[in-house]
Structure formats: structure tokens, C-alpha cells
Protein backbone atom coordinates (compact mmCIF):
# COMPACT_ATOMS: atom_id res chain seq x y z
CA MET A 1 -2.43 38.34 16.56
CA ASN A 2 -5.00 38.20 13.73
CA LYS A 3 -1.86 36.09 10.99
CA PHE A 4 -1.66 33.99 14.61
CA ILE A 5 -5.59 33.24 14.48
CA ASN A 6 -5.68 32.58 10.80
CA GLU A 7 -2.70 29.60 10.99
CA SER A 8 -3.97 27.97 13.82
CA LYS A 9 -7.65 27.75 12.45
CA ARG A 10 -9.07 24.58 11.52
CA TYR A 11 -10.84 24.49 7.80
CA PHE A 12 -12.56 20.94 7.27
CA THR A 13 -12.05 19.77 3.68
CA LEU A 14 -14.48 17.22 1.56
CA ASP A 15 -12.78 14.48 -0.31
CA LYS A 16 -15.15 15.42 -3.12
CA VAL A 17 -13.69 11.51 -5.10
CA LEU A 18 -14.33 9.47 -2.19
CA PHE A 19 -17.41 11.40 -1.03
CA GLY A 20 -19.27 10.55 -4.98
CA ILE A 21 -17.77 7.14 -4.59
CA MET A 22 -20.15 6.61 -1.80
CA ILE A 23 -22.72 8.63 -3.68
CA ALA A 24 -22.77 5.56 -6.48
CA PHE A 25 -22.34 3.40 -3.99
CA ALA A 26 -25.69 4.44 -2.31
CA THR A 27 -27.00 4.42 -6.11
CA ILE A 28 -25.77 1.02 -6.77
CA SER A 29 -27.33 -0.45 -2.66
CA VAL A 30 -31.10 0.60 -3.71
CA VAL A 31 -31.34 -0.07 -7.29
CA ALA A 32 -29.64 -3.49 -6.92
CA ILE A 33 -31.99 -3.57 -3.43
CA TYR A 34 -34.95 -2.87 -5.31
CA LEU A 35 -34.48 -5.24 -8.48
CA SER A 36 -33.97 -8.41 -6.36
CA ALA A 37 -38.63 -8.23 -5.81
CA PRO A 38 -38.12 -10.98 -8.02
CA LEU A 39 -36.23 -13.38 -5.27
CA LEU A 40 -37.71 -11.63 -2.06
CA ASP A 41 -40.32 -13.24 -0.33
CA ASN A 42 -43.41 -11.15 -0.59
CA GLY A 43 -41.78 -9.75 -3.94
CA GLN A 44 -42.23 -5.56 -5.22
CA ALA A 45 -43.33 -4.91 -1.18
CA ASP A 46 -40.77 -6.44 0.71
CA ALA A 47 -37.93 -4.92 -2.02
CA ILE A 48 -39.33 -1.14 -1.80
CA SER A 49 -39.76 -1.24 2.81
CA LEU A 50 -35.92 -2.41 2.28
CA VAL A 51 -34.86 0.09 -0.18
CA LYS A 52 -36.54 3.11 2.43
CA LYS A 53 -34.52 1.62 4.93
CA GLN A 54 -31.61 1.45 3.06
CA LEU A 55 -31.84 4.97 2.18
CA MET A 56 -32.67 5.41 5.87
CA TRP A 57 -29.59 3.32 7.24
CA PHE A 58 -27.16 6.04 4.80
CA ALA A 59 -28.87 9.05 6.24
CA ILE A 60 -28.73 8.11 9.87
CA GLY A 61 -24.68 7.57 8.73
CA SER A 62 -23.82 10.42 6.77
CA ALA A 63 -25.35 12.11 10.37
CA VAL A 64 -23.09 9.74 12.05
CA ILE A 65 -19.54 10.83 10.45
CA ALA A 66 -20.82 14.33 10.50
CA PHE A 67 -21.13 13.87 14.26
CA LEU A 68 -18.05 12.31 15.12
CA ILE A 69 -16.23 15.00 12.92
CA LYS A 70 -18.10 17.25 15.22
CA ILE A 71 -17.31 16.38 18.09
CA GLY A 72 -13.90 15.42 17.33
CA ILE A 73 -12.26 11.49 16.00
CA ASP A 74 -9.89 11.93 19.09
CA ARG A 75 -13.30 10.72 21.18
CA LEU A 76 -13.42 7.42 19.62
CA PHE A 77 -10.37 6.39 20.60
CA THR A 78 -10.28 7.37 24.10
CA ALA A 79 -13.66 6.61 24.91
CA ILE A 80 -13.99 2.82 23.28
CA ASP A 81 -13.20 0.34 25.91
CA ILE A 82 -16.81 1.65 26.98
CA ALA A 83 -18.09 0.54 24.02
CA TYR A 84 -16.09 -2.59 23.45
CA TRP A 85 -18.01 -4.02 26.74
CA ILE A 86 -20.72 -3.14 25.99
CA LEU A 87 -21.03 -4.95 22.56
CA MET A 88 -19.39 -7.46 24.94
CA VAL A 89 -22.64 -8.26 27.22
CA LEU A 90 -24.62 -7.49 24.02
CA LEU A 91 -22.37 -10.58 22.31
CA ALA A 92 -22.58 -12.49 25.33
CA GLY A 93 -26.37 -12.63 25.51
CA LEU A 94 -26.65 -13.94 22.48
CA VAL A 95 -24.42 -16.60 23.13
CA ILE A 96 -25.82 -17.46 25.80
CA ALA A 97 -29.72 -17.42 24.45
CA ARG A 98 -28.21 -20.29 21.34
CA PHE A 99 -27.36 -22.71 24.21
CA ALA A 100 -29.86 -22.07 26.80
CA ASN A 101 -32.24 -22.31 23.49
CA ILE A 102 -34.00 -18.95 24.75
CA ASN A 103 -36.14 -17.63 22.01
CA SER A 104 -38.41 -14.27 22.38
CA SER A 105 -39.44 -11.83 20.15
CA ILE A 106 -35.78 -9.82 20.61
CA VAL A 107 -33.17 -12.67 20.41
CA ALA A 108 -35.04 -14.92 17.85
CA PRO A 109 -32.70 -17.52 15.40
CA ILE A 110 -32.31 -16.20 12.04
CA ASN A 111 -30.76 -18.84 9.79
CA GLY A 112 -29.50 -21.16 12.11
CA THR A 113 -27.55 -18.23 14.10
CA ARG A 114 -28.02 -15.74 17.24
CA ALA A 115 -26.56 -12.93 15.72
CA TRP A 116 -29.09 -9.86 15.91
CA TYR A 117 -30.70 -8.18 18.49
CA MET A 118 -34.94 -6.90 17.17
CA ILE A 119 -35.32 -3.79 17.65
CA PRO A 120 -39.26 -3.23 17.73
CA GLY A 121 -39.83 -0.54 15.06
CA ILE A 122 -36.36 -0.42 14.23
CA GLY A 123 -35.12 -2.94 13.29
CA SER A 124 -32.21 -5.68 13.87
CA PHE A 125 -29.55 -5.13 15.48
CA GLN A 126 -25.65 -6.97 15.27
CA PRO A 127 -23.45 -6.48 17.68
CA SER A 128 -20.29 -8.24 16.05
CA GLU A 129 -20.55 -5.49 12.72
CA PHE A 130 -19.67 -2.67 15.60
CA MET A 131 -17.55 -5.31 17.05
CA LYS A 132 -15.14 -5.47 14.67
CA ILE A 133 -14.29 -1.61 13.81
CA VAL A 134 -14.27 -1.69 17.64
CA LEU A 135 -11.39 -4.23 17.90
CA VAL A 136 -9.60 -1.93 14.97
CA ILE A 137 -9.86 0.89 17.13
CA LYS A 138 -8.42 -1.15 20.16
CA ALA A 139 -5.75 -2.36 18.30
CA ALA A 140 -4.40 0.63 16.98
CA ASN A 141 -4.47 2.64 20.34
CA VAL A 142 -2.54 -0.38 21.21
CA ILE A 143 0.08 -0.66 18.44
CA HIS A 144 0.56 3.31 18.98
CA GLN A 145 1.60 2.82 22.19
CA HIS A 146 3.63 -0.06 22.06
CA ASN A 147 5.44 1.49 19.27
CA THR A 148 6.33 4.29 21.02
CA ASP A 149 7.46 2.55 24.46
CA LYS A 150 9.60 -0.15 22.63
CA GLU A 151 13.39 0.45 22.67
CA GLY A 152 13.92 -2.52 19.25
CA TYR A 153 12.65 -4.77 16.06
CA THR A 154 12.71 -7.04 17.64
CA PHE A 155 10.94 -11.20 18.05
CA GLN A 156 10.27 -10.48 21.13
CA SER A 157 8.84 -7.70 20.43
CA ASP A 158 6.55 -8.60 18.27
CA PHE A 159 5.46 -11.45 20.49
CA GLN A 160 4.18 -8.92 22.86
CA LEU A 161 2.51 -6.55 20.13
CA PHE A 162 0.58 -10.37 19.28
CA PHE A 163 0.00 -10.89 22.84
CA LYS A 164 -1.86 -7.49 23.83
CA ILE A 165 -4.42 -7.46 20.57
CA ALA A 166 -4.31 -11.04 20.89
CA LYS A 167 -6.18 -10.75 25.00
CA PHE A 168 -8.82 -8.34 23.72
CA ALA A 169 -10.07 -9.68 20.97
CA LEU A 170 -9.47 -13.15 21.52
CA PRO A 171 -12.79 -13.47 23.52
CA PRO A 172 -15.17 -11.44 21.23
CA PHE A 173 -13.65 -13.52 18.70
CA ILE A 174 -14.83 -16.84 19.89
CA LEU A 175 -18.44 -15.11 21.27
CA ILE A 176 -18.92 -14.49 17.68
CA PHE A 177 -18.29 -17.55 16.45
CA LEU A 178 -20.23 -19.42 18.64
CA GLN A 179 -23.51 -17.99 17.53
CA PRO A 180 -22.53 -19.31 15.25
CA ASP A 181 -21.36 -17.49 12.82
CA THR A 182 -18.45 -17.62 10.52
CA GLY A 183 -18.23 -14.01 8.03
CA VAL A 184 -17.28 -11.70 10.64
CA PRO A 185 -14.33 -14.03 12.47
CA ILE A 186 -12.99 -14.14 9.44
CA VAL A 187 -12.69 -10.48 9.13
CA ILE A 188 -11.68 -9.60 12.19
CA LEU A 189 -8.68 -11.91 11.36
CA PHE A 190 -8.24 -10.15 8.22
CA SER A 191 -8.21 -7.37 9.85
CA LEU A 192 -6.35 -7.41 12.35
CA ALA A 193 -3.45 -9.46 10.41
CA THR A 194 -3.05 -6.66 7.95
CA MET A 195 -2.54 -3.90 11.40
CA PHE A 196 -0.32 -6.68 12.73
CA ILE A 197 2.26 -7.11 9.70
CA LEU A 198 1.87 -3.12 8.33
CA SER A 199 2.81 -2.04 12.61
CA GLY A 200 6.31 -2.20 11.71
CA VAL A 201 7.13 -5.92 12.76
CA ARG A 202 9.51 -7.81 11.22
CA ARG A 203 8.76 -8.27 8.04
CA GLU A 204 8.81 -12.50 8.39
CA TRP A 205 5.66 -12.14 10.18
CA PHE A 206 4.61 -11.65 6.23
CA ILE A 207 5.87 -14.54 5.14
CA ILE A 208 5.06 -16.60 8.22
CA ILE A 209 0.54 -15.23 8.33
CA ALA A 210 0.32 -15.95 4.15
CA THR A 211 2.15 -19.67 4.48
CA LEU A 212 -0.24 -20.42 7.11
CA SER A 213 -3.43 -18.98 5.28
CA ILE A 214 -3.04 -20.49 1.80
CA GLY A 215 -1.95 -23.06 3.69
CA ALA A 216 -5.06 -23.68 5.44
CA LEU A 217 -7.13 -22.86 2.45
CA LEU A 218 -4.97 -25.77 0.35
CA GLY A 219 -5.29 -28.33 3.78
CA ILE A 220 -9.68 -27.56 4.05
CA VAL A 221 -9.02 -28.57 -0.26
CA PHE A 222 -6.99 -31.91 0.29
CA LEU A 223 -9.44 -32.56 3.27
CA TYR A 224 -12.41 -32.82 1.40
CA TYR A 225 -11.11 -35.04 -1.21
CA ASN A 226 -9.70 -37.27 0.11
CA TYR A 227 -10.48 -37.07 4.58
CA PRO A 228 -13.88 -35.53 4.38
CA ASP A 229 -14.66 -36.83 8.24
CA VAL A 230 -11.16 -35.46 8.80
CA LEU A 231 -12.82 -32.00 7.76
CA ASN A 232 -15.78 -32.01 8.66
CA THR A 233 -14.49 -32.37 12.74
CA LEU A 234 -12.18 -29.79 12.84
CA LEU A 235 -14.89 -27.58 10.59
CA GLY A 236 -17.75 -28.35 13.22
CA GLY A 237 -19.14 -31.57 12.69
CA GLY A 238 -22.48 -32.75 14.33
CA SER A 239 -25.30 -30.77 13.85
CA THR A 240 -23.02 -28.08 13.11
CA SER A 241 -21.64 -29.65 9.62
CA TYR A 242 -22.91 -26.04 8.26
CA ARG A 243 -19.42 -24.92 7.66
CA LEU A 244 -18.60 -28.12 5.79
CA ASP A 245 -21.90 -27.27 3.42
CA ARG A 246 -20.49 -24.50 2.45
CA PHE A 247 -17.35 -26.15 0.88
CA TYR A 248 -18.92 -28.72 -0.70
CA GLY A 249 -21.70 -26.09 -1.70
CA TRP A 250 -18.11 -24.30 -2.97
CA LEU A 251 -15.94 -27.22 -5.05
CA ASP A 252 -19.13 -29.20 -6.23
CA TYR A 253 -22.12 -26.83 -6.92
CA GLU A 254 -23.17 -28.46 -9.37
CA LYS A 255 -23.09 -31.71 -7.92
CA TYR A 256 -25.09 -30.13 -4.92
CA ALA A 257 -27.32 -27.92 -6.73
CA MET A 258 -29.91 -28.83 -5.16
CA GLY A 259 -28.41 -28.98 -2.10
CA HIS A 260 -25.28 -27.30 -0.55
CA GLY A 261 -24.54 -25.07 -3.75
CA TYR A 262 -27.97 -24.72 -4.50
CA GLN A 263 -27.67 -20.72 -3.57
CA LEU A 264 -24.17 -20.38 -5.57
CA PHE A 265 -25.75 -23.20 -8.49
CA GLN A 266 -28.62 -20.98 -9.26
CA SER A 267 -26.61 -17.07 -8.71
CA MET A 268 -24.60 -18.97 -11.83
CA ILE A 269 -27.06 -19.22 -13.73
CA SER A 270 -28.73 -15.87 -13.35
CA TYR A 271 -25.47 -13.30 -14.26
CA GLY A 272 -23.67 -16.08 -16.08
CA THR A 273 -26.13 -15.69 -19.21
CA ALA A 274 -26.93 -12.26 -19.07
CA GLY A 275 -24.23 -11.78 -20.74
CA VAL A 276 -22.84 -8.00 -22.09
CA ASN A 277 -26.07 -5.85 -21.00
CA GLY A 278 -28.25 -7.90 -19.00
CA HIS A 279 -30.78 -9.51 -18.65
CA PRO A 280 -34.70 -7.47 -18.89
CA LEU A 281 -34.80 -5.20 -15.07
CA GLY A 282 -36.34 -6.91 -12.93
CA THR A 283 -36.73 -10.56 -14.18
CA MET A 284 -36.67 -13.65 -12.34
CA ILE A 285 -33.85 -16.76 -14.61
CA ALA A 286 -33.18 -18.23 -11.46
CA HIS A 287 -34.17 -17.80 -7.84
CA TYR A 288 -31.38 -18.00 -4.79
CA PRO A 289 -31.98 -17.37 -1.26
CA GLU A 290 -30.50 -13.87 0.22
CA ALA A 291 -30.79 -11.76 -3.13
CA GLN A 292 -30.10 -8.83 -1.34
CA THR A 293 -27.39 -9.19 1.08
CA ASP A 294 -25.13 -11.87 0.15
CA PHE A 295 -25.67 -11.88 -3.48
CA ILE A 296 -26.01 -8.59 -4.50
CA PHE A 297 -23.98 -8.89 -6.48
CA ALA A 298 -25.05 -12.01 -8.50
CA VAL A 299 -28.19 -9.35 -8.25
CA ILE A 300 -26.39 -6.18 -9.87
CA SER A 301 -25.12 -8.79 -12.88
CA GLN A 302 -28.20 -10.43 -13.58
CA ASN A 303 -29.45 -7.57 -14.28
CA PHE A 304 -26.94 -5.32 -16.01
CA GLY A 305 -24.68 -7.53 -17.16
CA PHE A 306 -20.84 -7.80 -17.42
CA ILE A 307 -20.99 -4.08 -18.06
CA GLY A 308 -23.13 -3.53 -14.59
CA GLY A 309 -20.51 -5.91 -12.57
CA SER A 310 -17.34 -4.38 -13.83
CA ILE A 311 -17.93 -0.95 -13.08
CA THR A 312 -18.75 -2.15 -9.81
CA ILE A 313 -15.77 -4.14 -9.36
CA ALA A 314 -13.71 -1.01 -10.00
CA LEU A 315 -15.63 1.33 -7.46
CA SER A 316 -15.28 -1.07 -5.09
CA PHE A 317 -11.33 -1.31 -5.52
CA LEU A 318 -11.19 2.49 -6.45
CA PHE A 319 -12.87 2.88 -3.17
CA ASP A 320 -10.04 1.18 -0.99
CA ILE A 321 -7.19 2.83 -3.42
CA LYS A 322 -8.51 6.12 -1.88
CA LEU A 323 -8.11 4.97 1.50
CA VAL A 324 -4.58 3.17 0.59
CA SER A 325 -4.19 7.19 -0.83
CA ILE A 326 -5.26 9.18 2.42
CA THR A 327 -3.61 7.25 5.33
CA LYS A 328 -0.67 7.46 3.20
CA HIS A 329 -0.23 10.88 2.98
CA SER A 330 -1.71 11.29 6.91
CA ASP A 331 0.51 11.88 9.46
CA LEU A 332 -1.61 11.28 12.63
CA PRO A 333 -0.49 7.81 13.31
CA ARG A 334 -3.83 6.39 15.94
CA GLU A 335 -5.30 6.82 12.28
CA ARG A 336 -3.44 5.29 10.37
CA TYR A 337 -2.61 2.29 12.51
CA MET A 338 -6.53 2.13 12.35
CA MET A 339 -7.08 2.56 8.23
CA MET A 340 -4.11 0.13 7.83
CA GLY A 341 -6.99 -2.66 9.28
CA ILE A 342 -10.37 -0.68 7.74
CA ILE A 343 -8.19 -1.05 4.62
CA GLY A 344 -7.77 -4.51 5.27
CA MET A 345 -11.57 -5.24 6.43
CA ILE A 346 -12.56 -3.54 3.54
CA PHE A 347 -10.33 -4.75 0.40
CA PHE A 348 -10.71 -8.91 2.29
CA GLN A 349 -14.55 -8.34 2.11
CA HIS A 350 -14.42 -6.99 -1.76
CA LEU A 351 -12.04 -10.28 -2.94
CA GLU A 352 -14.45 -12.50 -0.84
CA ASN A 353 -17.99 -11.13 -1.57
CA ILE A 354 -17.82 -10.97 -5.37
CA GLY A 355 -15.20 -14.13 -5.88
CA MET A 356 -17.58 -16.04 -3.11
CA ILE A 357 -20.00 -15.21 -6.63
CA MET A 358 -18.06 -15.88 -8.94
CA ALA A 359 -17.06 -19.47 -7.18
CA VAL A 360 -13.57 -18.89 -6.98
CA LEU A 361 -12.95 -18.56 -2.71
CA PRO A 362 -15.68 -20.50 -0.12
CA ILE A 363 -18.43 -19.93 0.44
CA THR A 364 -19.33 -17.40 3.71
CA GLY A 365 -21.70 -14.61 5.18
CA ILE A 366 -20.16 -11.92 3.85
CA THR A 367 -21.29 -8.89 2.73
CA LEU A 368 -20.50 -6.38 -0.28
CA PRO A 369 -19.52 -2.90 1.82
CA PHE A 370 -21.93 -0.12 1.63
CA ILE A 371 -24.15 -1.92 -1.13
CA SER A 372 -25.99 -5.50 0.65
CA TYR A 373 -28.61 -3.79 2.26
CA GLY A 374 -27.94 -4.01 6.66
CA GLY A 375 -27.95 -1.47 8.97
CA SER A 376 -25.80 -2.32 10.99
CA SER A 377 -22.89 -3.29 8.62
CA LEU A 378 -23.67 0.17 7.30
CA LEU A 379 -23.50 2.32 10.08
CA SER A 380 -19.85 0.72 11.06
CA TYR A 381 -19.32 1.60 8.30
CA MET A 382 -19.51 4.95 8.48
CA ILE A 383 -17.10 5.02 11.67
CA PRO A 384 -14.34 5.00 10.12
CA LEU A 385 -15.47 6.89 7.20
CA ALA A 386 -15.74 10.06 8.86
CA VAL A 387 -11.91 9.31 10.81
CA ALA A 388 -10.80 9.17 6.44
CA PHE A 389 -12.74 12.16 6.34
CA HIS A 390 -10.92 13.95 9.09
CA MET A 391 -7.60 12.65 7.87
CA TYR A 392 -7.70 14.59 4.87
CA SER A 393 -9.46 16.95 6.14
CA GLU A 394 -6.03 17.95 8.30
CA THR A 395 -3.40 16.74 5.94
CA GLN A 396 -5.32 19.34 3.21
CA ASN A 397 -4.53 21.51 6.27
CA ARG A 398 -1.19 20.76 7.08
CA HIS A 399 -0.11 21.74 3.27
CA ARG A 400 -1.92 24.95 3.65
CA HIS A 401 -0.17 26.49 6.61
């Protein structure tokens, strides 16, 4: 009897490498946010306030991880539909507020986008950041059930899976796009495409999706240089041509240095002259907006130079590799499918955020996970992080017994 109890007992084993990377991310985040003070409206006062809030979100996020592990990760997969419909209502409210031109202290636009609810005494809440995690969890449920029921590897079965995912992913995707927000929809597309390709469908889909993605990017560049009016229409046109402006700011940031390319051009001046060790800490070489969020990597590289930037890149991709390792060695099917989407999502954000700041990828509103300031983004990513810790612990328990 005692032997049975000991063998069936479950222990929680902490992945020390993953935990250490998270401590490093938190340290880099608060230091970089503090050093962005010269670029903020109220200088050091704003920086200190943001640092306190970011530390608070890290603390709350850690509590979220502990809570999810305590109650059981299975609850995420069984109760996800409730979260989906709550977030759908919140996203619909933001879109209605935009088109009805409703302005209030709760749904006021920020930088022309209605993506946040303002909660008095707490701060902003961005439903789309949580929706992208919810969609990955729902897709994991769908893929797991589909693979359990399917009888063969056929294109017909693959199309059935595609439409099962599209049925619940398309409505929130459209609502987020209409806020208008381009960054989060791109992240959602990339994560769900990663899950679809790795779910057991025919490998031809990888070639199809990769070709379409590369073709779309090359097509945008071609239209930009040859038929800008057509590109303007495709990307929104009229009053929403901000999407086209972002491509102007990426492809010709020197030409539009005082307009669409101002943010990128100024940030490149800052970190491009930082050398190996960086400029003196906290100095302002050039001014660029959103230093604490989208352009946090520029702040790091400006203050710590090539060394600081390289360490941040290395830690970011070490984090991705660690998640891949945990997923590869786990035998929990739904959790594995979920982490496939999360790995694709975070890897893409690392690649896009750093790439756009280095001017090798288009400018988007995509932040650097766990480092950029933002409570909604940080808390949303603590959910899959809890799943990763749980998967690692379960794998260690399996090996122990």
C-alpha cells in the first residue's frame, strides 16, 4: 500500500533554466523601461511609475502561474469557451465604440486605435492579447479531437481541420483587425498556421503556406515601388492608410525621416552609434516614441551597445529553444499542440520585433515578449508559461517512476 502511494504521488519539479531566463527577462525589462525615461513625456517620473507597474505585473503573473498549476492545467482546456465568449463581447464593444465614435474614460482611443479598456486604479486592459492565447488553447482542443477521430492523412481531412479552426478564429480576427490593429492579427495567423502545419497534416501544406507568406511580402514590396495606389487600396486606403505609411517608414525610412519613418530613423541613430558598450546610461541621443513598448530593444541596444543587444537576442532564442525541448519531451497531447502555437507565436514576435527595429522587417505594433512594458501582454503569456512548467514537471515525474 505504501509503495502504491509513493509511486502515484505527484511532485512539482521546477525547470530551473526556464525560471532563470524569466528572472533575466524581468531584470532586463525593468532596467530598460527605467532607462527609457528621457524618451517619455514626464521623464523619470513616468519611468519610475512604469517600472513599479511592470514589477507588479510580474508579481501577479507569477501568482497566476502558481494558481494554474495548483488548480490543474486541465481546467484551461475545459473552461476555455467561457473565456472565448467573454473576450468576444469585449472585442465587439471596442469595435462598436470605434464606429459609433463613442469616447469615454473607459474606451478612449490610444494612438488612433481602440484596443484597450481603461480600468480606474488598475490601468489598461487589452482583450486581444488574451484572445490570442485563448485561440491557441481552443485550437489545441480541436486538433486533439480531430486527430483522435480521423481515419487517414488526406487533404479532405486537412481541409476539415482548417475549417474547424477558421470557424472560431475568424470572428475575433476580424474584430481585432477593425480596432484597427495589425500586429496581433499577424501573430494570431502565424501561431495558428504553425499549429496547423505541425498537427499531422500533409507536409505539402508547409510549402503552400510558406510560399503564400513570402509571396505576399514580396508582392507588397513590388506594389510599393511600382503601383503604390493599388497597395494603398489593398492595405486600407483613405483614412486608414496608416498600414501603408508603415511600409513607407520601413522601405524608405531615410526619405520619410520626418514622417512615416521618423520612429525607425531616430532609433537607428540611437543604437547605430552605440558601439560595443553603448552610450552613457540614460542619455537621449535621439527621440523616438513608444520606447518602453515596441522599441524597447532599441533602448537596450542604445544603452548597452552590441553586447547588451546580443545578450537579449541570445536569451530570447534560448527561451524559444527551451520551450521546444519541453514540448518535444512531453507526452501530454493537448498541451503539446498548445505549445506548438505558443512557440510559433513567441518566436515570431522575437523575430519581428528585433527585425523591425533593425529595419530588416516591416514596422508593426508587435512588442518583445516579457521585456516590453505592458500588463495585458505579460499576463497573457504567463498562462502558457504555467503550461510549460507543468509539462516539464510531468515529464520529470514520468522519468522518476
